[in-house]
Amino acid sequence: MGSRSWYNGPYDGRTFKACPRLFDGEALNWLTGVKYLRDSGMSLDSIKEYVELCLEGDSTIPKRCDIIRTQREKVRAQLEEAKRRLQYMNHKIELYQTIMEKGTPDTMNPGKWPARSVG
């Protein structure tokens, strides 16, 4: 579809007054790609840079790869943190199930811990 920029590339050329907006296959590809990047937590500035590099052509593949590698590391860190949160939730559920089944005291309730001084 020729030379494009970030602002006139990822949509099908219809005015934004069209309701509902209709997109062609290429525009849907752009939207899908941007959604995946955004869902990964990539900043809008980084997405804009990535799209602009895509529009420049194959000579930008090394830079695009660097952008994706950087984001992958951020996603990996987020995944590890999510795993830690899941592990905590699983532990709490096991604790509550034990309390309910055996009638043991809830020692993990912060409201029942001895008061600590702050300062």
Protein backbone atom coordinates (compact mmCIF):
# COMPACT_ATOMS: atom_id res chain seq x y z
CA MET A 1 0.00 0.00 0.00
CA GLY A 2 2.95 2.30 -0.49
CA SER A 3 4.78 4.52 1.93
CA ARG A 4 3.03 5.03 5.24
CA SER A 5 3.64 6.73 8.51
CA TRP A 6 2.43 5.79 11.97
CA TYR A 7 -0.49 8.18 11.63
CA ASN A 8 -1.88 7.11 8.27
CA GLY A 9 -0.68 3.51 8.15
CA PRO A 10 -2.56 1.22 10.49
CA TYR A 11 -6.07 2.09 9.37
CA ASP A 12 -7.96 1.68 6.15
CA GLY A 13 -8.22 5.30 5.01
CA ARG A 14 -11.83 5.88 6.01
CA THR A 15 -12.59 8.95 8.05
CA PHE A 16 -12.86 8.50 11.77
CA LYS A 17 -16.50 9.59 11.51
CA ALA A 18 -17.44 6.18 10.09
CA CYS A 19 -19.42 4.20 12.60
CA PRO A 20 -18.80 1.38 12.94
CA ARG A 21 -15.24 1.67 11.70
CA LEU A 22 -14.41 -0.78 8.97
CA PHE A 23 -10.88 -2.04 8.60
CA ASP A 24 -9.24 -4.02 5.83
CA GLY A 25 -7.09 -7.09 6.45
CA GLU A 26 -3.85 -5.14 6.62
CA ALA A 27 -5.29 -2.71 9.15
CA LEU A 28 -6.54 -5.62 11.26
CA ASN A 29 -3.03 -7.10 11.16
CA TRP A 30 -1.62 -3.81 12.49
CA LEU A 31 -4.28 -3.60 15.18
CA THR A 32 -3.66 -7.19 16.25
CA GLY A 33 0.09 -6.63 16.44
CA VAL A 34 -0.28 -3.41 18.41
CA LYS A 35 -2.74 -5.08 20.80
CA TYR A 36 -0.29 -7.91 21.53
CA LEU A 37 2.50 -5.42 22.18
CA ARG A 38 0.28 -3.27 24.40
CA ASP A 39 -1.00 -6.33 26.28
CA SER A 40 2.63 -7.25 26.96
CA GLY A 41 2.98 -3.93 28.78
CA MET A 42 4.96 -2.18 26.06
CA SER A 43 4.74 1.60 26.28
CA LEU A 44 2.92 3.53 23.58
CA ASP A 45 6.17 5.31 22.72
CA SER A 46 7.93 1.98 22.17
CA ILE A 47 5.01 0.68 20.11
CA LYS A 48 5.12 3.82 17.99
CA GLU A 49 8.86 3.39 17.45
CA TYR A 50 8.37 -0.28 16.56
CA VAL A 51 5.60 0.46 14.04
CA GLU A 52 7.62 3.25 12.45
CA LEU A 53 10.56 0.87 12.07
CA CYS A 54 8.28 -1.75 10.50
CA LEU A 55 7.09 0.84 8.00
CA GLU A 56 10.71 1.72 7.12
CA GLY A 57 11.36 -1.82 5.93
CA ASP A 58 13.66 -4.78 6.40
CA SER A 59 16.75 -2.69 7.14
CA THR A 60 15.26 -2.05 10.60
CA ILE A 61 14.85 -5.71 11.54
CA PRO A 62 17.85 -5.71 13.96
CA LYS A 63 16.45 -2.70 15.85
CA ARG A 64 12.95 -4.21 15.90
CA CYS A 65 14.40 -7.44 17.25
CA ASP A 66 16.14 -5.47 20.03
CA ILE A 67 12.86 -3.78 20.97
CA ILE A 68 11.07 -7.14 21.15
CA ARG A 69 13.93 -8.75 23.13
CA THR A 70 13.82 -5.90 25.65
CA GLN A 71 10.07 -6.28 26.05
CA ARG A 72 10.38 -10.07 26.35
CA GLU A 73 12.67 -9.60 29.36
CA LYS A 74 10.11 -7.30 30.96
CA VAL A 75 7.37 -9.87 30.29
CA ARG A 76 9.51 -12.63 31.82
CA ALA A 77 9.98 -10.55 34.96
CA GLN A 78 6.23 -9.88 35.11
CA LEU A 79 5.57 -13.60 34.70
CA GLU A 80 7.90 -14.48 37.57
CA GLU A 81 6.19 -11.92 39.79
CA ALA A 82 2.78 -13.31 38.79
CA LYS A 83 4.00 -16.82 39.69
CA ARG A 84 5.05 -15.55 43.14
CA ARG A 85 1.63 -13.98 43.66
CA LEU A 86 -0.09 -17.20 42.57
CA GLN A 87 2.08 -19.21 44.94
CA TYR A 88 1.08 -16.85 47.78
CA MET A 89 -2.61 -17.23 46.92
CA ASN A 90 -2.30 -21.03 46.77
CA HIS A 91 -0.59 -21.03 50.18
CA LYS A 92 -3.36 -18.88 51.68
CA ILE A 93 -6.06 -21.17 50.27
CA GLU A 94 -4.31 -24.23 51.73
CA LEU A 95 -4.05 -22.47 55.08
CA TYR A 96 -7.74 -21.53 55.10
CA GLN A 97 -8.76 -25.05 54.07
CA THR A 98 -6.73 -26.47 56.95
CA ILE A 99 -8.30 -23.98 59.37
CA MET A 100 -11.81 -24.88 58.18
CA GLU A 101 -11.18 -28.65 58.20
CA LYS A 102 -9.25 -28.95 61.47
CA GLY A 103 -10.43 -25.92 63.41
CA THR A 104 -6.87 -24.68 63.87
CA PRO A 105 -6.29 -21.02 64.74
CA ASP A 106 -5.64 -18.48 62.00
CA THR A 107 -2.05 -17.50 62.71
CA MET A 108 -1.65 -15.72 59.37
CA ASN A 109 -4.24 -13.01 60.04
CA PRO A 110 -2.27 -9.75 60.50
CA GLY A 111 -5.06 -8.45 62.74
CA LYS A 112 -4.19 -11.12 65.29
CA TRP A 113 -0.44 -10.56 65.33
CA PRO A 114 1.17 -8.77 68.29
CA ALA A 115 1.41 -5.02 67.75
CA ARG A 116 4.79 -3.76 66.57
CA SER A 117 6.24 -0.37 67.20
CA VAL A 118 6.95 1.78 64.18
CA GLY A 119 9.94 4.01 64.15
